Amino acid sequence: MSQQLEQRFVGALIGTFVGDALGMPVEGWSWTRIAREWGEVREMLPARLGRGTYTDDTLLMIALAESLLANQGRVVPEDLVRRFRAVYDPRRGFGAGMHRLVRLWEAGVPWDEAARSLFNGGSYGNGAAMRVAPVGVLYHQDPTEVYRAAVLQARVTHAHPLGQQGAALQALAVAQALRASAHTFSPEQFLEDLEAALPASAETFRRALMMAGELLDRWEDRGLVVRKLGNRSAAHRSVPTAIFAFLTHWTSFEEALVYAVSLGGDTDTLAAMTGAIAGAFHGVHAVPPRWWDALEQGEKGRDYVVTLGERLYHLWRTHGIARKQGNDSTSPSLGA
């Protein structure tokens, strides 16, 4: 059982990477254009930095995982700022918001003030959700801690409640998938449990999850799914969609990601979030060999991401989740 759980930890991180790389070459395409030109995207296509390369989605996930490991599982905003600044690379597809944040950080603006200054009150995009898989696996046993840690790491870049709630919902989905059993799995129950874990203030996401439930049997109507759930970079128009992609294809890691990409729009992030959930459910060995072999290597490539997942598992196994929050009631920590 312990080996299977470790494979699920790794699967969530690698799943993010795989989905990111699979979806990136058609990012911004409509679902109709993808259907017309490719039918379905089942192979790693040529990309800016080559087939199987990742974008800011995976790069920031790596940075978050490194920060959690360096701080014994604690979310430390100042450390995240330092790491996000260090890995910022425009070639990886960072958006204008992150570019502005980096400039503000370099100018000495406090991280919370910088985040609030974006977009007249803060970003509600999916950038905090796309990177959050490490939080979901590390705190998977306690939904309250998952939510708290996910929101705290989101606050570094996303001051808007929708951006924070979207990250929390994605982390909850990863954690719930990791705890789930294929023998008793029910998409409807999965949605009900997610809704129950959300606070009353997350009404926008509650409604989206209810809509996802209503569409479970209509997933083939991609136009309808895109209209009702969304496929863009706003957290509330993409996180529920990624969950939906997993739930409608929960028996297959590959099919879940192929479907996520087929919806068009913000395809790299949609598939990255779907991949995190599906990877947490199926484990790393569910990744098709042809995708596995195509993934970017190098200093922080595929094998390094595997190592991060293994280290997060061993941190969780060695320390366990501590209830004690220390001096900061919003900062989850792992205690000895």
C-alpha atoms as a PDB file:
ATOM      1  CA  MET A   1       0.000   0.000   0.000  1.00  0.00           C
ATOM      2  CA  SER A   2       2.825   2.419   0.865  1.00  0.00           C
ATOM      3  CA  GLN A   3       4.428   1.902  -2.550  1.00  0.00           C
ATOM      4  CA  GLN A   4       1.113   2.562  -4.268  1.00  0.00           C
ATOM      5  CA  LEU A   5       0.636   5.758  -2.270  1.00  0.00           C
ATOM      6  CA  GLU A   6       4.116   6.949  -3.186  1.00  0.00           C
ATOM      7  CA  GLN A   7       3.313   6.310  -6.851  1.00  0.00           C
ATOM      8  CA  ARG A   8       0.228   8.492  -6.454  1.00  0.00           C
ATOM      9  CA  PHE A   9       2.268  11.325  -4.956  1.00  0.00           C
ATOM     10  CA  VAL A  10       4.602  11.130  -7.936  1.00  0.00           C
ATOM     11  CA  GLY A  11       1.662  10.719 -10.300  1.00  0.00           C
ATOM     12  CA  ALA A  12       0.117  14.026  -9.275  1.00  0.00           C
ATOM     13  CA  LEU A  13       3.314  15.934 -10.024  1.00  0.00           C
ATOM     14  CA  ILE A  14       4.160  14.071 -13.212  1.00  0.00           C
ATOM     15  CA  GLY A  15       0.522  14.324 -14.276  1.00  0.00           C
ATOM     16  CA  THR A  16       0.808  18.102 -14.094  1.00  0.00           C
ATOM     17  CA  PHE A  17       3.933  17.946 -16.264  1.00  0.00           C
ATOM     18  CA  VAL A  18       2.394  15.574 -18.824  1.00  0.00           C
ATOM     19  CA  GLY A  19      -0.814  17.572 -19.204  1.00  0.00           C
ATOM     20  CA  ASP A  20       1.122  20.812 -19.498  1.00  0.00           C
ATOM     21  CA  ALA A  21       3.345  19.417 -22.257  1.00  0.00           C
ATOM     22  CA  LEU A  22       0.459  17.756 -24.114  1.00  0.00           C
ATOM     23  CA  GLY A  23      -1.754  20.827 -24.125  1.00  0.00           C
ATOM     24  CA  MET A  24       0.768  23.601 -24.689  1.00  0.00           C
ATOM     25  CA  PRO A  25       1.185  23.290 -28.493  1.00  0.00           C
ATOM     26  CA  VAL A  26      -2.529  23.999 -29.074  1.00  0.00           C
ATOM     27  CA  GLU A  27      -2.990  26.580 -26.325  1.00  0.00           C
ATOM     28  CA  GLY A  28      -5.450  29.248 -27.408  1.00  0.00           C
ATOM     29  CA  TRP A  29      -7.053  27.100 -30.094  1.00  0.00           C
ATOM     30  CA  SER A  30     -10.805  26.636 -30.095  1.00  0.00           C
ATOM     31  CA  TRP A  31     -12.169  23.146 -29.559  1.00  0.00           C
ATOM     32  CA  THR A  32     -13.513  23.216 -33.112  1.00  0.00           C
ATOM     33  CA  ARG A  33     -10.092  24.027 -34.567  1.00  0.00           C
ATOM     34  CA  ILE A  34      -8.469  21.210 -32.612  1.00  0.00           C
ATOM     35  CA  ALA A  35     -11.132  18.794 -33.844  1.00  0.00           C
ATOM     36  CA  ARG A  36     -10.729  19.996 -37.411  1.00  0.00           C
ATOM     37  CA  GLU A  37      -6.923  19.925 -37.582  1.00  0.00           C
ATOM     38  CA  TRP A  38      -6.018  17.085 -35.222  1.00  0.00           C
ATOM     39  CA  GLY A  39      -9.158  15.194 -34.354  1.00  0.00           C
ATOM     40  CA  GLU A  40      -7.680  14.503 -30.927  1.00  0.00           C
ATOM     41  CA  VAL A  41      -4.251  15.397 -29.578  1.00  0.00           C
ATOM     42  CA  ARG A  42      -2.780  12.043 -28.553  1.00  0.00           C
ATOM     43  CA  GLU A  43       0.894  12.698 -29.163  1.00  0.00           C
ATOM     44  CA  MET A  44       3.370  15.291 -27.954  1.00  0.00           C
ATOM     45  CA  LEU A  45       3.342  17.894 -30.711  1.00  0.00           C
ATOM     46  CA  PRO A  46       6.103  20.307 -31.763  1.00  0.00           C
ATOM     47  CA  ALA A  47       6.353  23.182 -29.282  1.00  0.00           C
ATOM     48  CA  ARG A  48       8.319  26.360 -28.603  1.00  0.00           C
ATOM     49  CA  LEU A  49      11.053  24.565 -26.696  1.00  0.00           C
ATOM     50  CA  GLY A  50      10.556  21.170 -28.311  1.00  0.00           C
ATOM     51  CA  ARG A  51       8.191  18.219 -27.917  1.00  0.00           C
ATOM     52  CA  GLY A  52       7.414  17.263 -24.351  1.00  0.00           C
ATOM     53  CA  THR A  53       8.603  20.513 -22.804  1.00  0.00           C
ATOM     54  CA  TYR A  54       6.764  22.253 -20.011  1.00  0.00           C
ATOM     55  CA  THR A  55       5.558  25.792 -19.364  1.00  0.00           C
ATOM     56  CA  ASP A  56       5.205  28.037 -16.330  1.00  0.00           C
ATOM     57  CA  ASP A  57       2.556  25.639 -15.002  1.00  0.00           C
ATOM     58  CA  THR A  58       5.102  22.926 -14.239  1.00  0.00           C
ATOM     59  CA  LEU A  59       7.939  25.329 -13.458  1.00  0.00           C
ATOM     60  CA  LEU A  60       5.955  26.951 -10.637  1.00  0.00           C
ATOM     61  CA  MET A  61       4.738  23.564  -9.397  1.00  0.00           C
ATOM     62  CA  ILE A  62       8.376  22.516  -9.093  1.00  0.00           C
ATOM     63  CA  ALA A  63       9.174  25.709  -7.179  1.00  0.00           C
ATOM     64  CA  LEU A  64       6.258  25.139  -4.801  1.00  0.00           C
ATOM     65  CA  ALA A  65       7.322  21.550  -4.159  1.00  0.00           C
ATOM     66  CA  GLU A  66      10.901  22.655  -3.492  1.00  0.00           C
ATOM     67  CA  SER A  67       9.687  25.290  -1.053  1.00  0.00           C
ATOM     68  CA  LEU A  68       7.507  22.824   0.855  1.00  0.00           C
ATOM     69  CA  LEU A  69      10.413  20.409   1.129  1.00  0.00           C
ATOM     70  CA  ALA A  70      12.834  23.112   2.259  1.00  0.00           C
ATOM     71  CA  ASN A  71      10.419  24.279   4.958  1.00  0.00           C
ATOM     72  CA  GLN A  72       9.299  20.902   6.347  1.00  0.00           C
ATOM     73  CA  GLY A  73       5.926  21.183   4.642  1.00  0.00           C
ATOM     74  CA  ARG A  74       5.153  24.743   5.687  1.00  0.00           C
ATOM     75  CA  VAL A  75       3.887  27.273   3.151  1.00  0.00           C
ATOM     76  CA  VAL A  76       6.241  30.233   3.539  1.00  0.00           C
ATOM     77  CA  PRO A  77       5.169  33.114   1.259  1.00  0.00           C
ATOM     78  CA  GLU A  78       8.518  34.900   1.409  1.00  0.00           C
ATOM     79  CA  ASP A  79      10.325  31.757   0.311  1.00  0.00           C
ATOM     80  CA  LEU A  80       7.856  31.253  -2.536  1.00  0.00           C
ATOM     81  CA  VAL A  81       8.462  34.807  -3.734  1.00  0.00           C
ATOM     82  CA  ARG A  82      12.203  34.184  -3.765  1.00  0.00           C
ATOM     83  CA  ARG A  83      11.822  30.945  -5.684  1.00  0.00           C
ATOM     84  CA  PHE A  84       9.264  32.299  -8.150  1.00  0.00           C
ATOM     85  CA  ARG A  85      11.574  35.214  -8.909  1.00  0.00           C
ATOM     86  CA  ALA A  86      14.500  32.866  -9.446  1.00  0.00           C
ATOM     87  CA  VAL A  87      12.711  30.611 -11.943  1.00  0.00           C
ATOM     88  CA  TYR A  88      10.919  33.323 -13.904  1.00  0.00           C
ATOM     89  CA  ASP A  89      11.651  32.705 -17.580  1.00  0.00           C
ATOM     90  CA  PRO A  90       9.515  34.401 -20.273  1.00  0.00           C
ATOM     91  CA  ARG A  91      10.264  31.524 -22.646  1.00  0.00           C
ATOM     92  CA  ARG A  92       8.139  29.262 -20.448  1.00  0.00           C
ATOM     93  CA  GLY A  93       4.962  31.167 -21.242  1.00  0.00           C
ATOM     94  CA  PHE A  94       4.498  33.346 -18.180  1.00  0.00           C
ATOM     95  CA  GLY A  95       1.660  35.838 -18.460  1.00  0.00           C
ATOM     96  CA  ALA A  96       1.695  39.599 -18.096  1.00  0.00           C
ATOM     97  CA  GLY A  97       0.535  39.383 -14.493  1.00  0.00           C
ATOM     98  CA  MET A  98       3.545  37.348 -13.398  1.00  0.00           C
ATOM     99  CA  HIS A  99       5.859  39.678 -15.302  1.00  0.00           C
ATOM    100  CA  ARG A 100       4.466  42.625 -13.374  1.00  0.00           C
ATOM    101  CA  LEU A 101       4.686  40.785 -10.056  1.00  0.00           C
ATOM    102  CA  VAL A 102       8.350  39.980 -10.606  1.00  0.00           C
ATOM    103  CA  ARG A 103       9.066  43.642 -11.321  1.00  0.00           C
ATOM    104  CA  LEU A 104       7.224  44.697  -8.165  1.00  0.00           C
ATOM    105  CA  TRP A 105       9.054  42.118  -6.051  1.00  0.00           C
ATOM    106  CA  GLU A 106      12.378  43.270  -7.442  1.00  0.00           C
ATOM    107  CA  ALA A 107      11.416  46.832  -6.498  1.00  0.00           C
ATOM    108  CA  GLY A 108      10.883  45.728  -2.911  1.00  0.00           C
ATOM    109  CA  VAL A 109       7.078  45.851  -2.850  1.00  0.00           C
ATOM    110  CA  PRO A 110       5.688  43.460  -0.183  1.00  0.00           C
ATOM    111  CA  TRP A 111       4.243  40.319  -1.737  1.00  0.00           C
ATOM    112  CA  ASP A 112       0.701  40.850  -0.469  1.00  0.00           C
ATOM    113  CA  GLU A 113       0.610  44.444  -1.655  1.00  0.00           C
ATOM    114  CA  ALA A 114       2.015  43.442  -5.040  1.00  0.00           C
ATOM    115  CA  ALA A 115      -0.637  40.753  -5.484  1.00  0.00           C
ATOM    116  CA  ARG A 116      -3.447  43.182  -4.630  1.00  0.00           C
ATOM    117  CA  SER A 117      -2.181  45.685  -7.185  1.00  0.00           C
ATOM    118  CA  LEU A 118      -2.851  43.388 -10.146  1.00  0.00           C
ATOM    119  CA  PHE A 119      -6.014  43.809 -12.191  1.00  0.00           C
ATOM    120  CA  ASN A 120      -7.703  46.274  -9.830  1.00  0.00           C
ATOM    121  CA  GLY A 121      -7.842  44.059  -6.784  1.00  0.00           C
ATOM    122  CA  GLY A 122      -5.981  40.886  -7.615  1.00  0.00           C
ATOM    123  CA  SER A 123      -5.879  38.091 -10.167  1.00  0.00           C
ATOM    124  CA  TYR A 124      -8.660  35.516 -10.357  1.00  0.00           C
ATOM    125  CA  GLY A 125      -6.777  33.407 -12.872  1.00  0.00           C
ATOM    126  CA  ASN A 126      -5.847  29.735 -12.579  1.00  0.00           C
ATOM    127  CA  GLY A 127      -2.131  30.309 -12.019  1.00  0.00           C
ATOM    128  CA  ALA A 128      -2.291  29.362  -8.347  1.00  0.00           C
ATOM    129  CA  ALA A 129      -4.375  26.276  -9.134  1.00  0.00           C
ATOM    130  CA  MET A 130      -2.108  24.925 -11.853  1.00  0.00           C
ATOM    131  CA  ARG A 131       0.867  24.669  -9.469  1.00  0.00           C
ATOM    132  CA  VAL A 132      -0.912  23.412  -6.343  1.00  0.00           C
ATOM    133  CA  ALA A 133      -0.588  19.608  -6.698  1.00  0.00           C
ATOM    134  CA  PRO A 134       2.220  19.371  -4.082  1.00  0.00           C
ATOM    135  CA  VAL A 135      -0.118  20.835  -1.458  1.00  0.00           C
ATOM    136  CA  GLY A 136      -2.875  18.401  -2.396  1.00  0.00           C
ATOM    137  CA  VAL A 137      -0.706  15.328  -1.932  1.00  0.00           C
ATOM    138  CA  LEU A 138       1.186  16.471   1.144  1.00  0.00           C
ATOM    139  CA  TYR A 139      -1.964  17.334   3.101  1.00  0.00           C
ATOM    140  CA  HIS A 140      -4.265  14.778   1.514  1.00  0.00           C
ATOM    141  CA  GLN A 141      -5.541  13.358   4.794  1.00  0.00           C
ATOM    142  CA  ASP A 142      -7.033  16.627   6.049  1.00  0.00           C
ATOM    143  CA  PRO A 143      -9.268  18.687   3.708  1.00  0.00           C
ATOM    144  CA  THR A 144      -9.202  21.638   6.114  1.00  0.00           C
ATOM    145  CA  GLU A 145      -5.422  21.806   5.950  1.00  0.00           C
ATOM    146  CA  VAL A 146      -5.454  21.286   2.188  1.00  0.00           C
ATOM    147  CA  TYR A 147      -7.742  24.274   1.799  1.00  0.00           C
ATOM    148  CA  ARG A 148      -5.747  26.479   4.158  1.00  0.00           C
ATOM    149  CA  ALA A 149      -2.369  25.684   2.637  1.00  0.00           C
ATOM    150  CA  ALA A 150      -3.664  26.063  -0.921  1.00  0.00           C
ATOM    151  CA  VAL A 151      -5.122  29.486  -0.179  1.00  0.00           C
ATOM    152  CA  LEU A 152      -1.942  30.667   1.521  1.00  0.00           C
ATOM    153  CA  GLN A 153       0.294  29.693  -1.399  1.00  0.00           C
ATOM    154  CA  ALA A 154      -2.231  31.296  -3.752  1.00  0.00           C
ATOM    155  CA  ARG A 155      -2.156  34.609  -1.888  1.00  0.00           C
ATOM    156  CA  VAL A 156       1.437  35.150  -2.996  1.00  0.00           C
ATOM    157  CA  THR A 157       0.258  35.837  -6.548  1.00  0.00           C
ATOM    158  CA  HIS A 158      -3.550  35.857  -6.466  1.00  0.00           C
ATOM    159  CA  ALA A 159      -5.321  38.314  -4.171  1.00  0.00           C
ATOM    160  CA  HIS A 160      -8.792  37.802  -5.633  1.00  0.00           C
ATOM    161  CA  PRO A 161     -10.965  35.282  -3.737  1.00  0.00           C
ATOM    162  CA  LEU A 162     -11.780  33.393  -6.945  1.00  0.00           C
ATOM    163  CA  GLY A 163      -8.097  32.812  -7.643  1.00  0.00           C
ATOM    164  CA  GLN A 164      -7.571  31.550  -4.103  1.00  0.00           C
ATOM    165  CA  GLN A 165     -10.713  29.416  -3.998  1.00  0.00           C
ATOM    166  CA  GLY A 166      -9.869  27.905  -7.369  1.00  0.00           C
ATOM    167  CA  ALA A 167      -6.454  26.842  -6.090  1.00  0.00           C
ATOM    168  CA  ALA A 168      -8.072  25.360  -2.997  1.00  0.00           C
ATOM    169  CA  LEU A 169     -10.642  23.438  -5.034  1.00  0.00           C
ATOM    170  CA  GLN A 170      -7.941  22.022  -7.289  1.00  0.00           C
ATOM    171  CA  ALA A 171      -5.867  20.961  -4.278  1.00  0.00           C
ATOM    172  CA  LEU A 172      -8.932  19.352  -2.701  1.00  0.00           C
ATOM    173  CA  ALA A 173      -9.598  17.437  -5.924  1.00  0.00           C
ATOM    174  CA  VAL A 174      -6.008  16.155  -5.996  1.00  0.00           C
ATOM    175  CA  ALA A 175      -6.198  15.116  -2.344  1.00  0.00           C
ATOM    176  CA  GLN A 176      -9.564  13.447  -2.796  1.00  0.00           C
ATOM    177  CA  ALA A 177      -8.378  11.563  -5.885  1.00  0.00           C
ATOM    178  CA  LEU A 178      -5.324  10.356  -4.005  1.00  0.00           C
ATOM    179  CA  ARG A 179      -7.499   8.996  -1.198  1.00  0.00           C
ATOM    180  CA  ALA A 180     -10.031   7.408  -3.557  1.00  0.00           C
ATOM    181  CA  SER A 181     -10.379   3.734  -4.434  1.00  0.00           C
ATOM    182  CA  ALA A 182     -11.168   2.582  -7.958  1.00  0.00           C
ATOM    183  CA  HIS A 183     -13.309  -0.211  -6.500  1.00  0.00           C
ATOM    184  CA  THR A 184     -15.824   2.173  -4.957  1.00  0.00           C
ATOM    185  CA  PHE A 185     -15.344   5.284  -7.086  1.00  0.00           C
ATOM    186  CA  SER A 186     -18.365   7.381  -8.027  1.00  0.00           C
ATOM    187  CA  PRO A 187     -18.088  10.638 -10.023  1.00  0.00           C
ATOM    188  CA  GLU A 188     -21.287  11.887  -8.424  1.00  0.00           C
ATOM    189  CA  GLN A 189     -20.000  11.204  -4.917  1.00  0.00           C
ATOM    190  CA  PHE A 190     -16.668  12.809  -5.784  1.00  0.00           C
ATOM    191  CA  LEU A 191     -18.486  16.028  -6.699  1.00  0.00           C
ATOM    192  CA  GLU A 192     -20.654  15.895  -3.586  1.00  0.00           C
ATOM    193  CA  ASP A 193     -17.609  15.485  -1.373  1.00  0.00           C
ATOM    194  CA  LEU A 194     -15.851  18.409  -3.053  1.00  0.00           C
ATOM    195  CA  GLU A 195     -18.889  20.629  -2.564  1.00  0.00           C
ATOM    196  CA  ALA A 196     -19.037  19.655   1.092  1.00  0.00           C
ATOM    197  CA  ALA A 197     -15.387  20.620   1.575  1.00  0.00           C
ATOM    198  CA  LEU A 198     -15.906  24.143   0.220  1.00  0.00           C
ATOM    199  CA  PRO A 199     -16.886  27.014   2.516  1.00  0.00           C
ATOM    200  CA  ALA A 200     -20.122  28.914   1.957  1.00  0.00           C
ATOM    201  CA  SER A 201     -18.118  31.813   0.507  1.00  0.00           C
ATOM    202  CA  ALA A 202     -17.100  29.661  -2.489  1.00  0.00           C
ATOM    203  CA  GLU A 203     -20.598  29.768  -3.966  1.00  0.00           C
ATOM    204  CA  THR A 204     -19.320  30.360  -7.512  1.00  0.00           C
ATOM    205  CA  PHE A 205     -17.415  27.082  -7.405  1.00  0.00           C
ATOM    206  CA  ARG A 206     -20.255  25.253  -5.707  1.00  0.00           C
ATOM    207  CA  ARG A 207     -22.541  26.204  -8.586  1.00  0.00           C
ATOM    208  CA  ALA A 208     -19.922  25.140 -11.122  1.00  0.00           C
ATOM    209  CA  LEU A 209     -19.585  21.729  -9.486  1.00  0.00           C
ATOM    210  CA  MET A 210     -23.346  21.305  -9.566  1.00  0.00           C
ATOM    211  CA  MET A 211     -23.305  22.143 -13.273  1.00  0.00           C
ATOM    212  CA  ALA A 212     -20.511  19.630 -13.814  1.00  0.00           C
ATOM    213  CA  GLY A 213     -22.702  16.987 -12.232  1.00  0.00           C
ATOM    214  CA  GLU A 214     -25.551  17.819 -14.571  1.00  0.00           C
ATOM    215  CA  LEU A 215     -23.245  17.464 -17.589  1.00  0.00           C
ATOM    216  CA  LEU A 216     -21.594  14.143 -16.714  1.00  0.00           C
ATOM    217  CA  ASP A 217     -23.624  12.258 -19.311  1.00  0.00           C
ATOM    218  CA  ARG A 218     -23.214  14.980 -21.952  1.00  0.00           C
ATOM    219  CA  TRP A 219     -19.433  15.232 -22.082  1.00  0.00           C
ATOM    220  CA  GLU A 220     -19.302  14.516 -25.817  1.00  0.00           C
ATOM    221  CA  ASP A 221     -21.013  17.856 -26.508  1.00  0.00           C
ATOM    222  CA  ARG A 222     -17.833  19.887 -26.165  1.00  0.00           C
ATOM    223  CA  GLY A 223     -19.513  23.095 -27.228  1.00  0.00           C
ATOM    224  CA  LEU A 224     -22.002  22.751 -24.386  1.00  0.00           C
ATOM    225  CA  VAL A 225     -19.290  21.895 -21.866  1.00  0.00           C
ATOM    226  CA  VAL A 226     -17.228  24.918 -22.880  1.00  0.00           C
ATOM    227  CA  ARG A 227     -20.237  27.229 -22.655  1.00  0.00           C
ATOM    228  CA  LYS A 228     -21.350  25.948 -19.271  1.00  0.00           C
ATOM    229  CA  LEU A 229     -18.028  25.247 -17.537  1.00  0.00           C
ATOM    230  CA  GLY A 230     -15.473  27.229 -19.526  1.00  0.00           C
ATOM    231  CA  ASN A 231     -12.020  26.649 -20.960  1.00  0.00           C
ATOM    232  CA  ARG A 232     -10.247  29.929 -20.248  1.00  0.00           C
ATOM    233  CA  SER A 233      -7.689  31.108 -17.710  1.00  0.00           C
ATOM    234  CA  ALA A 234     -10.151  32.374 -15.085  1.00  0.00           C
ATOM    235  CA  ALA A 235     -10.049  29.951 -12.162  1.00  0.00           C
ATOM    236  CA  HIS A 236     -13.816  29.580 -11.959  1.00  0.00           C
ATOM    237  CA  ARG A 237     -13.949  28.848 -15.696  1.00  0.00           C
ATOM    238  CA  SER A 238     -11.227  26.200 -15.747  1.00  0.00           C
ATOM    239  CA  VAL A 239     -10.747  24.392 -12.430  1.00  0.00           C
ATOM    240  CA  PRO A 240     -14.260  22.846 -12.489  1.00  0.00           C
ATOM    241  CA  THR A 241     -13.652  21.946 -16.138  1.00  0.00           C
ATOM    242  CA  ALA A 242     -10.474  20.056 -15.268  1.00  0.00           C
ATOM    243  CA  ILE A 243     -12.314  18.162 -12.548  1.00  0.00           C
ATOM    244  CA  PHE A 244     -15.045  17.375 -15.067  1.00  0.00           C
ATOM    245  CA  ALA A 245     -12.498  16.045 -17.576  1.00  0.00           C
ATOM    246  CA  PHE A 246     -11.155  13.666 -14.953  1.00  0.00           C
ATOM    247  CA  LEU A 247     -14.572  12.516 -13.788  1.00  0.00           C
ATOM    248  CA  THR A 248     -15.905  11.775 -17.262  1.00  0.00           C
ATOM    249  CA  HIS A 249     -12.812   9.678 -18.051  1.00  0.00           C
ATOM    250  CA  TRP A 250     -11.775   8.530 -14.592  1.00  0.00           C
ATOM    251  CA  THR A 251     -10.893   5.004 -15.699  1.00  0.00           C
ATOM    252  CA  SER A 252      -8.039   6.177 -17.960  1.00  0.00           C
ATOM    253  CA  PHE A 253      -5.256   8.685 -17.307  1.00  0.00           C
ATOM    254  CA  GLU A 254      -4.663   9.049 -21.040  1.00  0.00           C
ATOM    255  CA  GLU A 255      -8.290   9.591 -22.015  1.00  0.00           C
ATOM    256  CA  ALA A 256      -8.817  12.184 -19.289  1.00  0.00           C
ATOM    257  CA  LEU A 257      -5.935  14.293 -20.585  1.00  0.00           C
ATOM    258  CA  VAL A 258      -6.850  13.850 -24.242  1.00  0.00           C
ATOM    259  CA  TYR A 259     -10.361  15.031 -23.423  1.00  0.00           C
ATOM    260  CA  ALA A 260      -9.105  18.040 -21.456  1.00  0.00           C
ATOM    261  CA  VAL A 261      -7.003  19.179 -24.412  1.00  0.00           C
ATOM    262  CA  SER A 262      -9.909  18.608 -26.812  1.00  0.00           C
ATOM    263  CA  LEU A 263     -11.888  21.343 -25.056  1.00  0.00           C
ATOM    264  CA  GLY A 264      -9.555  24.017 -26.400  1.00  0.00           C
ATOM    265  CA  GLY A 265      -8.756  27.356 -24.816  1.00  0.00           C
ATOM    266  CA  ASP A 266      -6.212  27.286 -22.003  1.00  0.00           C
ATOM    267  CA  THR A 267      -5.281  23.755 -22.959  1.00  0.00           C
ATOM    268  CA  ASP A 268      -1.943  23.466 -21.185  1.00  0.00           C
ATOM    269  CA  THR A 269      -3.377  24.460 -17.820  1.00  0.00           C
ATOM    270  CA  LEU A 270      -6.632  22.540 -18.266  1.00  0.00           C
ATOM    271  CA  ALA A 271      -4.677  19.383 -19.030  1.00  0.00           C
ATOM    272  CA  ALA A 272      -2.099  20.078 -16.313  1.00  0.00           C
ATOM    273  CA  MET A 273      -4.829  20.324 -13.666  1.00  0.00           C
ATOM    274  CA  THR A 274      -6.618  17.277 -15.066  1.00  0.00           C
ATOM    275  CA  GLY A 275      -3.312  15.422 -15.096  1.00  0.00           C
ATOM    276  CA  ALA A 276      -2.645  16.260 -11.458  1.00  0.00           C
ATOM    277  CA  ILE A 277      -5.999  14.795 -10.412  1.00  0.00           C
ATOM    278  CA  ALA A 278      -5.776  11.758 -12.689  1.00  0.00           C
ATOM    279  CA  GLY A 279      -2.164  11.168 -11.671  1.00  0.00           C
ATOM    280  CA  ALA A 280      -3.089  11.246  -7.989  1.00  0.00           C
ATOM    281  CA  PHE A 281      -5.797   8.686  -8.694  1.00  0.00           C
ATOM    282  CA  HIS A 282      -3.970   6.281 -11.004  1.00  0.00           C
ATOM    283  CA  GLY A 283      -0.339   6.763 -10.007  1.00  0.00           C
ATOM    284  CA  VAL A 284       2.695   7.520 -12.135  1.00  0.00           C
ATOM    285  CA  HIS A 285       2.698   4.149 -13.916  1.00  0.00           C
ATOM    286  CA  ALA A 286      -0.512   5.103 -15.716  1.00  0.00           C
ATOM    287  CA  VAL A 287       1.405   7.551 -17.910  1.00  0.00           C
ATOM    288  CA  PRO A 288       1.611   6.056 -21.422  1.00  0.00           C
ATOM    289  CA  PRO A 289       5.221   5.080 -22.256  1.00  0.00           C
ATOM    290  CA  ARG A 290       5.258   7.196 -25.430  1.00  0.00           C
ATOM    291  CA  TRP A 291       4.390  10.295 -23.373  1.00  0.00           C
ATOM    292  CA  TRP A 292       6.821   9.360 -20.630  1.00  0.00           C
ATOM    293  CA  ASP A 293       9.683   8.981 -23.083  1.00  0.00           C
ATOM    294  CA  ALA A 294       8.923  12.353 -24.693  1.00  0.00           C
ATOM    295  CA  LEU A 295       9.019  14.399 -21.481  1.00  0.00           C
ATOM    296  CA  GLU A 296      11.725  17.001 -21.133  1.00  0.00           C
ATOM    297  CA  GLN A 297      14.793  15.956 -19.195  1.00  0.00           C
ATOM    298  CA  GLY A 298      17.652  18.077 -17.892  1.00  0.00           C
ATOM    299  CA  GLU A 299      18.403  19.570 -14.495  1.00  0.00           C
ATOM    300  CA  LYS A 300      14.735  19.988 -13.590  1.00  0.00           C
ATOM    301  CA  GLY A 301      13.126  17.644 -16.052  1.00  0.00           C
ATOM    302  CA  ARG A 302      11.128  14.434 -15.762  1.00  0.00           C
ATOM    303  CA  ASP A 303      13.388  12.497 -13.402  1.00  0.00           C
ATOM    304  CA  TYR A 304      13.756  15.481 -11.101  1.00  0.00           C
ATOM    305  CA  VAL A 305       9.975  15.843 -10.838  1.00  0.00           C
ATOM    306  CA  VAL A 306       9.751  12.149  -9.950  1.00  0.00           C
ATOM    307  CA  THR A 307      12.284  12.748  -7.185  1.00  0.00           C
ATOM    308  CA  LEU A 308      10.245  15.665  -5.846  1.00  0.00           C
ATOM    309  CA  GLY A 309       7.167  13.468  -5.618  1.00  0.00           C
ATOM    310  CA  GLU A 310       9.122  10.770  -3.800  1.00  0.00           C
ATOM    311  CA  ARG A 311      10.584  13.294  -1.368  1.00  0.00           C
ATOM    312  CA  LEU A 312       7.157  14.759  -0.620  1.00  0.00           C
ATOM    313  CA  TYR A 313       5.883  11.269   0.121  1.00  0.00           C
ATOM    314  CA  HIS A 314       8.752  10.550   2.494  1.00  0.00           C
ATOM    315  CA  LEU A 315       8.269  13.916   4.211  1.00  0.00           C
ATOM    316  CA  TRP A 316       4.604  13.077   4.715  1.00  0.00           C
ATOM    317  CA  ARG A 317       5.366   9.546   5.908  1.00  0.00           C
ATOM    318  CA  THR A 318       8.119  10.623   8.287  1.00  0.00           C
ATOM    319  CA  HIS A 319       6.427  13.592   9.916  1.00  0.00           C
ATOM    320  CA  GLY A 320       2.691  13.397   9.332  1.00  0.00           C
ATOM    321  CA  ILE A 321       0.413  16.400   9.337  1.00  0.00           C
ATOM    322  CA  ALA A 322       0.545  18.468  12.497  1.00  0.00           C
ATOM    323  CA  ARG A 323      -2.441  20.349  13.810  1.00  0.00           C
ATOM    324  CA  LYS A 324      -0.227  22.852  15.540  1.00  0.00           C
ATOM    325  CA  GLN A 325      -0.002  25.994  13.436  1.00  0.00           C
ATOM    326  CA  GLY A 326       2.716  27.849  15.317  1.00  0.00           C
ATOM    327  CA  ASN A 327       2.587  31.624  15.370  1.00  0.00           C
ATOM    328  CA  ASP A 328       0.665  31.920  12.103  1.00  0.00           C
ATOM    329  CA  SER A 329      -2.784  30.352  12.180  1.00  0.00           C
ATOM    330  CA  THR A 330      -2.932  30.470   8.390  1.00  0.00           C
ATOM    331  CA  SER A 331       0.334  28.615   7.870  1.00  0.00           C
ATOM    332  CA  PRO A 332       0.072  24.820   7.833  1.00  0.00           C
ATOM    333  CA  SER A 333       3.115  22.887   8.914  1.00  0.00           C
ATOM    334  CA  LEU A 334       4.396  19.367   9.236  1.00  0.00           C
ATOM    335  CA  GLY A 335       5.569  18.520  12.704  1.00  0.00           C
ATOM    336  CA  ALA A 336       7.866  15.804  13.955  1.00  0.00           C
END
